[in-house]
Amino acid sequence: MHYFQIIFNPTSAAELSKMPKDLQLQFLGEFKGLPAEVKNSGVGRLERGRRMLYRYRVGDYRVYYETNELGAVVHRILGKNSVKDFMFRNVNMIADEDASLQENPKFWQMIDEARRAVSK
C-alpha cells in the first residue's frame, strides 16, 4: 500500500483556512486515494513546458495542484469569482478557461509565487 500526502504550501493553507469548516472537510475528502487517481480525476490540465498543473473544482472553488509520487502539492485554492476576476483583469477571455490560463504568464507567476513561499 502506498501512502498519499496532500501538501499545502503556505498560500494554499491560508486560502483553505478561510473556508468554512464543512467545506474544508469536503475539499480534503476530494483528494483521498492514490496519486494516480488524483491525477486522473483532475477536471482540467494546464501545461507549461514539462510542468503539469491540474485544476479541480470543489463547489465554487478552483484548486490548482501538481502531483508527484507521494501525492498532491496544492498551490492555490481560488474562489470561482476570483478566477473569473483574474482572467478578465489579465486577458480579454472568451475561450476555454484552462486554455486561457495555460497561455497567461501572469497566472503562472501567481502559481510560482505561492510555490516560492514554501522555500522561504
PDB file of N, CA and C in Angstrom:
ATOM      1  N   MET A   1       0.838  -1.178   0.000  1.00  0.00           N
ATOM      2  CA  MET A   1       0.000   0.000   0.000  1.00  0.00           C
ATOM      3  C   MET A   1       0.883   1.241   0.000  1.00  0.00           C
ATOM      4  N   HIS A   2       0.573   2.185  -0.840  1.00  0.00           N
ATOM      5  CA  HIS A   2       1.300   3.441  -0.898  1.00  0.00           C
ATOM      6  C   HIS A   2       0.613   4.484  -0.027  1.00  0.00           C
ATOM      7  N   TYR A   3       1.416   5.307   0.615  1.00  0.00           N
ATOM      8  CA  TYR A   3       0.871   6.410   1.387  1.00  0.00           C
ATOM      9  C   TYR A   3       0.640   7.591   0.465  1.00  0.00           C
ATOM     10  N   PHE A   4      -0.330   8.383   0.805  1.00  0.00           N
ATOM     11  CA  PHE A   4      -0.717   9.524  -0.017  1.00  0.00           C
ATOM     12  C   PHE A   4      -0.704  10.771   0.846  1.00  0.00           C
ATOM     13  N   GLN A   5      -0.055  11.811   0.355  1.00  0.00           N
ATOM     14  CA  GLN A   5       0.028  13.061   1.104  1.00  0.00           C
ATOM     15  C   GLN A   5      -0.598  14.187   0.306  1.00  0.00           C
ATOM     16  N   ILE A   6      -1.242  15.087   1.028  1.00  0.00           N
ATOM     17  CA  ILE A   6      -1.681  16.347   0.444  1.00  0.00           C
ATOM     18  C   ILE A   6      -0.818  17.410   1.109  1.00  0.00           C
ATOM     19  N   ILE A   7      -0.048  18.097   0.307  1.00  0.00           N
ATOM     20  CA  ILE A   7       0.856  19.109   0.828  1.00  0.00           C
ATOM     21  C   ILE A   7       0.317  20.471   0.417  1.00  0.00           C
ATOM     22  N   PHE A   8       0.096  21.326   1.403  1.00  0.00           N
ATOM     23  CA  PHE A   8      -0.363  22.679   1.144  1.00  0.00           C
ATOM     24  C   PHE A   8       0.819  23.615   1.329  1.00  0.00           C
ATOM     25  N   ASN A   9       1.079  24.455   0.332  1.00  0.00           N
ATOM     26  CA  ASN A   9       2.086  25.477   0.562  1.00  0.00           C
ATOM     27  C   ASN A   9       1.442  26.543   1.450  1.00  0.00           C
ATOM     28  N   PRO A  10       2.213  27.490   1.988  1.00  0.00           N
ATOM     29  CA  PRO A  10       1.634  28.478   2.901  1.00  0.00           C
ATOM     30  C   PRO A  10       0.463  29.262   2.289  1.00  0.00           C
ATOM     31  N   THR A  11       0.537  29.562   1.004  1.00  0.00           N
ATOM     32  CA  THR A  11      -0.527  30.318   0.361  1.00  0.00           C
ATOM     33  C   THR A  11      -1.819  29.510   0.315  1.00  0.00           C
ATOM     34  N   SER A  12      -1.742  28.255  -0.134  1.00  0.00           N
ATOM     35  CA  SER A  12      -2.956  27.440  -0.216  1.00  0.00           C
ATOM     36  C   SER A  12      -3.486  27.083   1.175  1.00  0.00           C
ATOM     37  N   ALA A  13      -2.604  26.917   2.151  1.00  0.00           N
ATOM     38  CA  ALA A  13      -3.052  26.638   3.519  1.00  0.00           C
ATOM     39  C   ALA A  13      -3.840  27.829   4.071  1.00  0.00           C
ATOM     40  N   ALA A  14      -3.384  29.031   3.786  1.00  0.00           N
ATOM     41  CA  ALA A  14      -4.106  30.232   4.220  1.00  0.00           C
ATOM     42  C   ALA A  14      -5.462  30.327   3.522  1.00  0.00           C
ATOM     43  N   GLU A  15      -5.485  29.991   2.235  1.00  0.00           N
ATOM     44  CA  GLU A  15      -6.745  30.026   1.489  1.00  0.00           C
ATOM     45  C   GLU A  15      -7.727  28.987   2.035  1.00  0.00           C
ATOM     46  N   LEU A  16      -7.222  27.797   2.375  1.00  0.00           N
ATOM     47  CA  LEU A  16      -8.063  26.744   2.939  1.00  0.00           C
ATOM     48  C   LEU A  16      -8.620  27.163   4.298  1.00  0.00           C
ATOM     49  N   SER A  17      -7.799  27.796   5.105  1.00  0.00           N
ATOM     50  CA  SER A  17      -8.236  28.175   6.453  1.00  0.00           C
ATOM     51  C   SER A  17      -9.339  29.227   6.431  1.00  0.00           C
ATOM     52  N   LYS A  18      -9.489  29.946   5.337  1.00  0.00           N
ATOM     53  CA  LYS A  18     -10.553  30.957   5.213  1.00  0.00           C
ATOM     54  C   LYS A  18     -11.909  30.342   4.880  1.00  0.00           C
ATOM     55  N   MET A  19     -11.915  29.066   4.467  1.00  0.00           N
ATOM     56  CA  MET A  19     -13.163  28.400   4.106  1.00  0.00           C
ATOM     57  C   MET A  19     -13.913  27.956   5.363  1.00  0.00           C
ATOM     58  N   PRO A  20     -15.235  27.807   5.245  1.00  0.00           N
ATOM     59  CA  PRO A  20     -15.984  27.211   6.356  1.00  0.00           C
ATOM     60  C   PRO A  20     -15.491  25.779   6.606  1.00  0.00           C
ATOM     61  N   LYS A  21     -15.553  25.328   7.856  1.00  0.00           N
ATOM     62  CA  LYS A  21     -15.019  24.010   8.237  1.00  0.00           C
ATOM     63  C   LYS A  21     -15.631  22.872   7.417  1.00  0.00           C
ATOM     64  N   ASP A  22     -16.938  22.918   7.150  1.00  0.00           N
ATOM     65  CA  ASP A  22     -17.556  21.837   6.384  1.00  0.00           C
ATOM     66  C   ASP A  22     -17.025  21.785   4.963  1.00  0.00           C
ATOM     67  N   LEU A  23     -16.721  22.941   4.389  1.00  0.00           N
ATOM     68  CA  LEU A  23     -16.149  22.977   3.046  1.00  0.00           C
ATOM     69  C   LEU A  23     -14.699  22.490   3.067  1.00  0.00           C
ATOM     70  N   GLN A  24     -13.964  22.784   4.137  1.00  0.00           N
ATOM     71  CA  GLN A  24     -12.603  22.266   4.269  1.00  0.00           C
ATOM     72  C   GLN A  24     -12.619  20.737   4.266  1.00  0.00           C
ATOM     73  N   LEU A  25     -13.551  20.147   4.992  1.00  0.00           N
ATOM     74  CA  LEU A  25     -13.651  18.687   5.044  1.00  0.00           C
ATOM     75  C   LEU A  25     -14.049  18.111   3.692  1.00  0.00           C
ATOM     76  N   GLN A  26     -14.959  18.785   3.000  1.00  0.00           N
ATOM     77  CA  GLN A  26     -15.347  18.340   1.658  1.00  0.00           C
ATOM     78  C   GLN A  26     -14.144  18.397   0.726  1.00  0.00           C
ATOM     79  N   PHE A  27     -13.405  19.480   0.803  1.00  0.00           N
ATOM     80  CA  PHE A  27     -12.222  19.655  -0.029  1.00  0.00           C
ATOM     81  C   PHE A  27     -11.212  18.536   0.221  1.00  0.00           C
ATOM     82  N   LEU A  28     -10.919  18.264   1.484  1.00  0.00           N
ATOM     83  CA  LEU A  28      -9.955  17.213   1.818  1.00  0.00           C
ATOM     84  C   LEU A  28     -10.454  15.844   1.375  1.00  0.00           C
ATOM     85  N   GLY A  29     -11.750  15.616   1.455  1.00  0.00           N
ATOM     86  CA  GLY A  29     -12.317  14.353   1.011  1.00  0.00           C
ATOM     87  C   GLY A  29     -12.175  14.129  -0.478  1.00  0.00           C
ATOM     88  N   GLU A  30     -12.130  15.205  -1.246  1.00  0.00           N
ATOM     89  CA  GLU A  30     -11.992  15.099  -2.697  1.00  0.00           C
ATOM     90  C   GLU A  30     -10.628  14.547  -3.104  1.00  0.00           C
ATOM     91  N   PHE A  31      -9.641  14.679  -2.249  1.00  0.00           N
ATOM     92  CA  PHE A  31      -8.283  14.269  -2.587  1.00  0.00           C
ATOM     93  C   PHE A  31      -7.870  12.938  -1.970  1.00  0.00           C
ATOM     94  N   LYS A  32      -8.817  12.159  -1.477  1.00  0.00           N
ATOM     95  CA  LYS A  32      -8.428  10.858  -0.930  1.00  0.00           C
ATOM     96  C   LYS A  32      -8.187   9.888  -2.082  1.00  0.00           C
ATOM     97  N   GLY A  33      -7.316   8.953  -1.861  1.00  0.00           N
ATOM     98  CA  GLY A  33      -6.997   7.975  -2.890  1.00  0.00           C
ATOM     99  C   GLY A  33      -5.518   7.973  -3.219  1.00  0.00           C
ATOM    100  N   LEU A  34      -5.168   7.250  -4.229  1.00  0.00           N
ATOM    101  CA  LEU A  34      -3.780   7.157  -4.660  1.00  0.00           C
ATOM    102  C   LEU A  34      -3.446   8.284  -5.629  1.00  0.00           C
ATOM    103  N   PRO A  35      -2.176   8.652  -5.730  1.00  0.00           N
ATOM    104  CA  PRO A  35      -1.784   9.746  -6.629  1.00  0.00           C
ATOM    105  C   PRO A  35      -2.299   9.579  -8.059  1.00  0.00           C
ATOM    106  N   ALA A  36      -2.290   8.365  -8.597  1.00  0.00           N
ATOM    107  CA  ALA A  36      -2.762   8.156  -9.970  1.00  0.00           C
ATOM    108  C   ALA A  36      -4.233   8.514 -10.094  1.00  0.00           C
ATOM    109  N   GLU A  37      -5.025   8.207  -9.067  1.00  0.00           N
ATOM    110  CA  GLU A  37      -6.444   8.533  -9.097  1.00  0.00           C
ATOM    111  C   GLU A  37      -6.652  10.042  -9.063  1.00  0.00           C
ATOM    112  N   VAL A  38      -5.866  10.731  -8.251  1.00  0.00           N
ATOM    113  CA  VAL A  38      -5.980  12.186  -8.184  1.00  0.00           C
ATOM    114  C   VAL A  38      -5.575  12.800  -9.515  1.00  0.00           C
ATOM    115  N   LYS A  39      -4.501  12.285 -10.094  1.00  0.00           N
ATOM    116  CA  LYS A  39      -4.042  12.808 -11.374  1.00  0.00           C
ATOM    117  C   LYS A  39      -5.102  12.612 -12.451  1.00  0.00           C
ATOM    118  N   ASN A  40      -5.730  11.459 -12.466  1.00  0.00           N
ATOM    119  CA  ASN A  40      -6.726  11.163 -13.483  1.00  0.00           C
ATOM    120  C   ASN A  40      -8.056  11.855 -13.224  1.00  0.00           C
ATOM    121  N   SER A  41      -8.313  12.252 -11.990  1.00  0.00           N
ATOM    122  CA  SER A  41      -9.592  12.872 -11.681  1.00  0.00           C
ATOM    123  C   SER A  41      -9.591  14.367 -11.937  1.00  0.00           C
ATOM    124  N   GLY A  42      -8.433  14.934 -12.223  1.00  0.00           N
ATOM    125  CA  GLY A  42      -8.362  16.371 -12.462  1.00  0.00           C
ATOM    126  C   GLY A  42      -9.265  16.777 -13.615  1.00  0.00           C
ATOM    127  N   VAL A  43     -10.096  17.764 -13.389  1.00  0.00           N
ATOM    128  CA  VAL A  43     -11.026  18.213 -14.413  1.00  0.00           C
ATOM    129  C   VAL A  43     -10.282  18.919 -15.532  1.00  0.00           C
ATOM    130  N   GLY A  44      -9.320  19.730 -15.171  1.00  0.00           N
ATOM    131  CA  GLY A  44      -8.593  20.480 -16.184  1.00  0.00           C
ATOM    132  C   GLY A  44      -7.100  20.290 -16.034  1.00  0.00           C
ATOM    133  N   ARG A  45      -6.403  20.459 -17.134  1.00  0.00           N
ATOM    134  CA  ARG A  45      -4.939  20.376 -17.116  1.00  0.00           C
ATOM    135  C   ARG A  45      -4.363  21.612 -17.768  1.00  0.00           C
ATOM    136  N   LEU A  46      -3.332  22.134 -17.149  1.00  0.00           N
ATOM    137  CA  LEU A  46      -2.625  23.281 -17.688  1.00  0.00           C
ATOM    138  C   LEU A  46      -1.161  22.888 -17.803  1.00  0.00           C
ATOM    139  N   GLU A  47      -0.602  23.038 -18.984  1.00  0.00           N
ATOM    140  CA  GLU A  47       0.787  22.648 -19.211  1.00  0.00           C
ATOM    141  C   GLU A  47       1.634  23.868 -19.523  1.00  0.00           C
ATOM    142  N   ARG A  48       2.842  23.821 -19.012  1.00  0.00           N
ATOM    143  CA  ARG A  48       3.833  24.841 -19.340  1.00  0.00           C
ATOM    144  C   ARG A  48       5.174  24.140 -19.367  1.00  0.00           C
ATOM    145  N   GLY A  49       5.688  23.937 -20.560  1.00  0.00           N
ATOM    146  CA  GLY A  49       6.916  23.163 -20.704  1.00  0.00           C
ATOM    147  C   GLY A  49       6.670  21.755 -20.219  1.00  0.00           C
ATOM    148  N   ARG A  50       7.497  21.297 -19.301  1.00  0.00           N
ATOM    149  CA  ARG A  50       7.345  19.947 -18.744  1.00  0.00           C
ATOM    150  C   ARG A  50       6.451  19.930 -17.510  1.00  0.00           C
ATOM    151  N   ARG A  51       6.001  21.072 -17.119  1.00  0.00           N
ATOM    152  CA  ARG A  51       5.213  21.182 -15.902  1.00  0.00           C
ATOM    153  C   ARG A  51       3.727  20.964 -16.191  1.00  0.00           C
ATOM    154  N   MET A  52       3.073  20.152 -15.348  1.00  0.00           N
ATOM    155  CA  MET A  52       1.656  19.874 -15.489  1.00  0.00           C
ATOM    156  C   MET A  52       0.955  20.296 -14.203  1.00  0.00           C
ATOM    157  N   LEU A  53       0.013  21.185 -14.351  1.00  0.00           N
ATOM    158  CA  LEU A  53      -0.786  21.666 -13.234  1.00  0.00           C
ATOM    159  C   LEU A  53      -2.215  21.200 -13.475  1.00  0.00           C
ATOM    160  N   TYR A  54      -2.871  20.751 -12.429  1.00  0.00           N
ATOM    161  CA  TYR A  54      -4.244  20.276 -12.548  1.00  0.00           C
ATOM    162  C   TYR A  54      -5.187  21.254 -11.865  1.00  0.00           C
ATOM    163  N   ARG A  55      -6.392  21.344 -12.422  1.00  0.00           N
ATOM    164  CA  ARG A  55      -7.440  22.165 -11.822  1.00  0.00           C
ATOM    165  C   ARG A  55      -8.593  21.247 -11.472  1.00  0.00           C
ATOM    166  N   TYR A  56      -9.050  21.372 -10.246  1.00  0.00           N
ATOM    167  CA  TYR A  56     -10.157  20.562  -9.781  1.00  0.00           C
ATOM    168  C   TYR A  56     -11.178  21.486  -9.132  1.00  0.00           C
ATOM    169  N   ARG A  57     -12.426  21.283  -9.428  1.00  0.00           N
ATOM    170  CA  ARG A  57     -13.475  22.118  -8.845  1.00  0.00           C
ATOM    171  C   ARG A  57     -14.064  21.438  -7.621  1.00  0.00           C
ATOM    172  N   VAL A  58     -14.157  22.211  -6.568  1.00  0.00           N
ATOM    173  CA  VAL A  58     -14.833  21.778  -5.352  1.00  0.00           C
ATOM    174  C   VAL A  58     -15.819  22.890  -5.023  1.00  0.00           C
ATOM    175  N   GLY A  59     -17.077  22.658  -5.305  1.00  0.00           N
ATOM    176  CA  GLY A  59     -18.077  23.703  -5.114  1.00  0.00           C
ATOM    177  C   GLY A  59     -17.753  24.899  -5.993  1.00  0.00           C
ATOM    178  N   ASP A  60     -17.680  26.058  -5.388  1.00  0.00           N
ATOM    179  CA  ASP A  60     -17.362  27.285  -6.127  1.00  0.00           C
ATOM    180  C   ASP A  60     -15.876  27.607  -6.107  1.00  0.00           C
ATOM    181  N   TYR A  61     -15.046  26.642  -5.778  1.00  0.00           N
ATOM    182  CA  TYR A  61     -13.606  26.863  -5.699  1.00  0.00           C
ATOM    183  C   TYR A  61     -12.876  26.110  -6.794  1.00  0.00           C
ATOM    184  N   ARG A  62     -11.740  26.658  -7.207  1.00  0.00           N
ATOM    185  CA  ARG A  62     -10.838  26.006  -8.154  1.00  0.00           C
ATOM    186  C   ARG A  62      -9.553  25.711  -7.394  1.00  0.00           C
ATOM    187  N   VAL A  63      -9.154  24.461  -7.418  1.00  0.00           N
ATOM    188  CA  VAL A  63      -7.951  24.022  -6.720  1.00  0.00           C
ATOM    189  C   VAL A  63      -6.896  23.736  -7.779  1.00  0.00           C
ATOM    190  N   TYR A  64      -5.746  24.373  -7.681  1.00  0.00           N
ATOM    191  CA  TYR A  64      -4.649  24.178  -8.630  1.00  0.00           C
ATOM    192  C   TYR A  64      -3.538  23.422  -7.910  1.00  0.00           C
ATOM    193  N   TYR A  65      -3.194  22.259  -8.457  1.00  0.00           N
ATOM    194  CA  TYR A  65      -2.223  21.403  -7.791  1.00  0.00           C
ATOM    195  C   TYR A  65      -1.370  20.651  -8.806  1.00  0.00           C
ATOM    196  N   GLU A  66      -0.246  20.151  -8.309  1.00  0.00           N
ATOM    197  CA  GLU A  66       0.631  19.261  -9.066  1.00  0.00           C
ATOM    198  C   GLU A  66       0.648  17.928  -8.328  1.00  0.00           C
ATOM    199  N   THR A  67       0.981  16.878  -9.047  1.00  0.00           N
ATOM    200  CA  THR A  67       1.100  15.574  -8.407  1.00  0.00           C
ATOM    201  C   THR A  67       2.552  15.112  -8.452  1.00  0.00           C
ATOM    202  N   ASN A  68       2.886  14.256  -7.522  1.00  0.00           N
ATOM    203  CA  ASN A  68       4.184  13.590  -7.536  1.00  0.00           C
ATOM    204  C   ASN A  68       3.974  12.184  -7.008  1.00  0.00           C
ATOM    205  N   GLU A  69       5.045  11.445  -6.799  1.00  0.00           N
ATOM    206  CA  GLU A  69       4.909  10.051  -6.377  1.00  0.00           C
ATOM    207  C   GLU A  69       4.311   9.915  -4.976  1.00  0.00           C
ATOM    208  N   LEU A  70       4.331  10.967  -4.183  1.00  0.00           N
ATOM    209  CA  LEU A  70       3.791  10.902  -2.827  1.00  0.00           C
ATOM    210  C   LEU A  70       2.354  11.381  -2.705  1.00  0.00           C
ATOM    211  N   GLY A  71       1.881  12.175  -3.676  1.00  0.00           N
ATOM    212  CA  GLY A  71       0.526  12.702  -3.580  1.00  0.00           C
ATOM    213  C   GLY A  71       0.349  13.968  -4.384  1.00  0.00           C
ATOM    214  N   ALA A  72      -0.231  14.975  -3.741  1.00  0.00           N
ATOM    215  CA  ALA A  72      -0.558  16.229  -4.424  1.00  0.00           C
ATOM    216  C   ALA A  72       0.016  17.409  -3.652  1.00  0.00           C
ATOM    217  N   VAL A  73       0.549  18.385  -4.390  1.00  0.00           N
ATOM    218  CA  VAL A  73       1.005  19.641  -3.819  1.00  0.00           C
ATOM    219  C   VAL A  73       0.022  20.707  -4.281  1.00  0.00           C
ATOM    220  N   VAL A  74      -0.729  21.264  -3.330  1.00  0.00           N
ATOM    221  CA  VAL A  74      -1.733  22.272  -3.642  1.00  0.00           C
ATOM    222  C   VAL A  74      -1.064  23.643  -3.621  1.00  0.00           C
ATOM    223  N   HIS A  75      -1.159  24.333  -4.775  1.00  0.00           N
ATOM    224  CA  HIS A  75      -0.535  25.651  -4.897  1.00  0.00           C
ATOM    225  C   HIS A  75      -1.504  26.790  -4.612  1.00  0.00           C
ATOM    226  N   ARG A  76      -2.728  26.679  -5.100  1.00  0.00           N
ATOM    227  CA  ARG A  76      -3.711  27.746  -4.899  1.00  0.00           C
ATOM    228  C   ARG A  76      -5.097  27.150  -4.775  1.00  0.00           C
ATOM    229  N   ILE A  77      -5.945  27.810  -3.980  1.00  0.00           N
ATOM    230  CA  ILE A  77      -7.370  27.499  -3.886  1.00  0.00           C
ATOM    231  C   ILE A  77      -8.078  28.824  -4.098  1.00  0.00           C
ATOM    232  N   LEU A  78      -8.701  28.969  -5.253  1.00  0.00           N
ATOM    233  CA  LEU A  78      -9.314  30.245  -5.608  1.00  0.00           C
ATOM    234  C   LEU A  78     -10.818  30.091  -5.765  1.00  0.00           C
ATOM    235  N   GLY A  79     -11.551  31.051  -5.251  1.00  0.00           N
ATOM    236  CA  GLY A  79     -12.992  31.066  -5.450  1.00  0.00           C
ATOM    237  C   GLY A  79     -13.314  31.268  -6.917  1.00  0.00           C
ATOM    238  N   LYS A  80     -14.455  30.740  -7.330  1.00  0.00           N
ATOM    239  CA  LYS A  80     -14.864  30.828  -8.731  1.00  0.00           C
ATOM    240  C   LYS A  80     -14.811  32.267  -9.229  1.00  0.00           C
ATOM    241  N   ASN A  81     -15.350  33.187  -8.449  1.00  0.00           N
ATOM    242  CA  ASN A  81     -15.358  34.581  -8.882  1.00  0.00           C
ATOM    243  C   ASN A  81     -13.965  35.181  -8.924  1.00  0.00           C
ATOM    244  N   SER A  82     -13.077  34.750  -8.037  1.00  0.00           N
ATOM    245  CA  SER A  82     -11.721  35.300  -8.068  1.00  0.00           C
ATOM    246  C   SER A  82     -10.979  34.835  -9.317  1.00  0.00           C
ATOM    247  N   VAL A  83     -11.256  33.610  -9.803  1.00  0.00           N
ATOM    248  CA  VAL A  83     -10.635  33.130 -11.036  1.00  0.00           C
ATOM    249  C   VAL A  83     -11.156  33.939 -12.215  1.00  0.00           C
ATOM    250  N   LYS A  84     -12.465  34.133 -12.266  1.00  0.00           N
ATOM    251  CA  LYS A  84     -13.039  34.931 -13.355  1.00  0.00           C
ATOM    252  C   LYS A  84     -12.496  36.353 -13.315  1.00  0.00           C
ATOM    253  N   ASP A  85     -12.428  36.934 -12.122  1.00  0.00           N
ATOM    254  CA  ASP A  85     -11.884  38.281 -11.997  1.00  0.00           C
ATOM    255  C   ASP A  85     -10.445  38.333 -12.488  1.00  0.00           C
ATOM    256  N   PHE A  86      -9.648  37.327 -12.108  1.00  0.00           N
ATOM    257  CA  PHE A  86      -8.257  37.278 -12.539  1.00  0.00           C
ATOM    258  C   PHE A  86      -8.179  37.236 -14.060  1.00  0.00           C
ATOM    259  N   MET A  87      -8.994  36.381 -14.660  1.00  0.00           N
ATOM    260  CA  MET A  87      -8.938  36.216 -16.115  1.00  0.00           C
ATOM    261  C   MET A  87      -9.341  37.504 -16.825  1.00  0.00           C
ATOM    262  N   PHE A  88     -10.393  38.140 -16.368  1.00  0.00           N
ATOM    263  CA  PHE A  88     -10.845  39.345 -17.042  1.00  0.00           C
ATOM    264  C   PHE A  88      -9.911  40.524 -16.805  1.00  0.00           C
ATOM    265  N   ARG A  89      -9.243  40.549 -15.661  1.00  0.00           N
ATOM    266  CA  ARG A  89      -8.273  41.618 -15.415  1.00  0.00           C
ATOM    267  C   ARG A  89      -7.034  41.456 -16.277  1.00  0.00           C
ATOM    268  N   ASN A  90      -6.627  40.232 -16.545  1.00  0.00           N
ATOM    269  CA  ASN A  90      -5.359  39.983 -17.205  1.00  0.00           C
ATOM    270  C   ASN A  90      -5.458  39.645 -18.679  1.00  0.00           C
ATOM    271  N   VAL A  91      -6.591  39.146 -19.125  1.00  0.00           N
ATOM    272  CA  VAL A  91      -6.762  38.748 -20.515  1.00  0.00           C
ATOM    273  C   VAL A  91      -8.225  38.950 -20.868  1.00  0.00           C
ATOM    274  N   ASN A  92      -8.486  39.439 -22.049  1.00  0.00           N
ATOM    275  CA  ASN A  92      -9.864  39.543 -22.507  1.00  0.00           C
ATOM    276  C   ASN A  92     -10.263  38.166 -23.012  1.00  0.00           C
ATOM    277  N   MET A  93     -10.887  37.362 -22.132  1.00  0.00           N
ATOM    278  CA  MET A  93     -11.064  35.947 -22.413  1.00  0.00           C
ATOM    279  C   MET A  93     -12.490  35.595 -22.789  1.00  0.00           C
ATOM    280  N   ILE A  94     -12.585  34.880 -23.858  1.00  0.00           N
ATOM    281  CA  ILE A  94     -13.860  34.310 -24.277  1.00  0.00           C
ATOM    282  C   ILE A  94     -13.694  32.805 -24.421  1.00  0.00           C
ATOM    283  N   ALA A  95     -12.485  32.355 -24.582  1.00  0.00           N
ATOM    284  CA  ALA A  95     -12.171  30.944 -24.846  1.00  0.00           C
ATOM    285  C   ALA A  95     -12.261  30.102 -23.581  1.00  0.00           C
ATOM    286  N   ASP A  96     -11.888  28.851 -23.695  1.00  0.00           N
ATOM    287  CA  ASP A  96     -11.866  27.879 -22.617  1.00  0.00           C
ATOM    288  C   ASP A  96     -11.003  28.374 -21.456  1.00  0.00           C
ATOM    289  N   GLU A  97     -11.499  28.180 -20.230  1.00  0.00           N
ATOM    290  CA  GLU A  97     -10.809  28.651 -19.031  1.00  0.00           C
ATOM    291  C   GLU A  97      -9.404  28.087 -18.909  1.00  0.00           C
ATOM    292  N   ASP A  98      -9.249  26.761 -19.032  1.00  0.00           N
ATOM    293  CA  ASP A  98      -7.939  26.139 -18.869  1.00  0.00           C
ATOM    294  C   ASP A  98      -6.963  26.589 -19.952  1.00  0.00           C
ATOM    295  N   ALA A  99      -7.417  26.610 -21.202  1.00  0.00           N
ATOM    296  CA  ALA A  99      -6.538  27.013 -22.298  1.00  0.00           C
ATOM    297  C   ALA A  99      -6.089  28.458 -22.121  1.00  0.00           C
ATOM    298  N   SER A 100      -6.987  29.301 -21.680  1.00  0.00           N
ATOM    299  CA  SER A 100      -6.644  30.707 -21.494  1.00  0.00           C
ATOM    300  C   SER A 100      -5.667  30.897 -20.352  1.00  0.00           C
ATOM    301  N   LEU A 101      -5.905  30.199 -19.242  1.00  0.00           N
ATOM    302  CA  LEU A 101      -4.977  30.301 -18.122  1.00  0.00           C
ATOM    303  C   LEU A 101      -3.616  29.731 -18.476  1.00  0.00           C
ATOM    304  N   GLN A 102      -3.617  28.645 -19.214  1.00  0.00           N
ATOM    305  CA  GLN A 102      -2.369  27.989 -19.601  1.00  0.00           C
ATOM    306  C   GLN A 102      -1.466  28.924 -20.382  1.00  0.00           C
ATOM    307  N   GLU A 103      -2.037  29.798 -21.176  1.00  0.00           N
ATOM    308  CA  GLU A 103      -1.262  30.719 -22.005  1.00  0.00           C
ATOM    309  C   GLU A 103      -0.967  32.049 -21.314  1.00  0.00           C
ATOM    310  N   ASN A 104      -1.458  32.237 -20.109  1.00  0.00           N
ATOM    311  CA  ASN A 104      -1.315  33.518 -19.426  1.00  0.00           C
ATOM    312  C   ASN A 104      -0.117  33.493 -18.475  1.00  0.00           C
ATOM    313  N   PRO A 105       0.943  34.233 -18.790  1.00  0.00           N
ATOM    314  CA  PRO A 105       2.127  34.216 -17.918  1.00  0.00           C
ATOM    315  C   PRO A 105       1.844  34.755 -16.513  1.00  0.00           C
ATOM    316  N   LYS A 106       0.870  35.637 -16.363  1.00  0.00           N
ATOM    317  CA  LYS A 106       0.547  36.164 -15.038  1.00  0.00           C
ATOM    318  C   LYS A 106      -0.075  35.090 -14.150  1.00  0.00           C
ATOM    319  N   PHE A 107      -0.794  34.150 -14.741  1.00  0.00           N
ATOM    320  CA  PHE A 107      -1.334  33.040 -13.965  1.00  0.00           C
ATOM    321  C   PHE A 107      -0.197  32.201 -13.402  1.00  0.00           C
ATOM    322  N   TRP A 108       0.769  31.857 -14.252  1.00  0.00           N
ATOM    323  CA  TRP A 108       1.907  31.044 -13.808  1.00  0.00           C
ATOM    324  C   TRP A 108       2.739  31.797 -12.778  1.00  0.00           C
ATOM    325  N   GLN A 109       2.828  33.110 -12.913  1.00  0.00           N
ATOM    326  CA  GLN A 109       3.548  33.915 -11.930  1.00  0.00           C
ATOM    327  C   GLN A 109       2.843  33.807 -10.571  1.00  0.00           C
ATOM    328  N   MET A 110       1.504  33.856 -10.566  1.00  0.00           N
ATOM    329  CA  MET A 110       0.738  33.727  -9.336  1.00  0.00           C
ATOM    330  C   MET A 110       0.977  32.353  -8.706  1.00  0.00           C
ATOM    331  N   ILE A 111       1.003  31.304  -9.512  1.00  0.00           N
ATOM    332  CA  ILE A 111       1.262  29.953  -9.004  1.00  0.00           C
ATOM    333  C   ILE A 111       2.680  29.857  -8.458  1.00  0.00           C
ATOM    334  N   ASP A 112       3.654  30.393  -9.192  1.00  0.00           N
ATOM    335  CA  ASP A 112       5.049  30.323  -8.766  1.00  0.00           C
ATOM    336  C   ASP A 112       5.305  31.115  -7.491  1.00  0.00           C
ATOM    337  N   GLU A 113       4.592  32.226  -7.304  1.00  0.00           N
ATOM    338  CA  GLU A 113       4.743  32.998  -6.066  1.00  0.00           C
ATOM    339  C   GLU A 113       4.327  32.159  -4.867  1.00  0.00           C
ATOM    340  N   ALA A 114       3.252  31.410  -5.019  1.00  0.00           N
ATOM    341  CA  ALA A 114       2.811  30.521  -3.930  1.00  0.00           C
ATOM    342  C   ALA A 114       3.817  29.390  -3.731  1.00  0.00           C
ATOM    343  N   ARG A 115       4.364  28.900  -4.825  1.00  0.00           N
ATOM    344  CA  ARG A 115       5.339  27.807  -4.758  1.00  0.00           C
ATOM    345  C   ARG A 115       6.614  28.265  -4.047  1.00  0.00           C
ATOM    346  N   ARG A 116       7.071  29.489  -4.343  1.00  0.00           N
ATOM    347  CA  ARG A 116       8.293  30.009  -3.722  1.00  0.00           C
ATOM    348  C   ARG A 116       8.110  30.281  -2.234  1.00  0.00           C
ATOM    349  N   ALA A 117       6.862  30.508  -1.813  1.00  0.00           N
ATOM    350  CA  ALA A 117       6.606  30.752  -0.387  1.00  0.00           C
ATOM    351  C   ALA A 117       7.029  29.563   0.460  1.00  0.00           C
ATOM    352  N   VAL A 118       7.072  28.383  -0.117  1.00  0.00           N
ATOM    353  CA  VAL A 118       7.470  27.169   0.592  1.00  0.00           C
ATOM    354  C   VAL A 118       8.939  27.220   0.970  1.00  0.00           C
ATOM    355  N   SER A 119       9.753  27.756   0.079  1.00  0.00           N
ATOM    356  CA  SER A 119      11.203  27.735   0.287  1.00  0.00           C
ATOM    357  C   SER A 119      11.692  28.876   1.183  1.00  0.00           C
ATOM    358  N   LYS A 120      10.813  29.743   1.611  1.00  0.00           N
ATOM    359  CA  LYS A 120      11.239  30.853   2.484  1.00  0.00           C
ATOM    360  C   LYS A 120      11.258  30.445   3.929  1.00  0.00           C
TER     361      LYS A 120
END
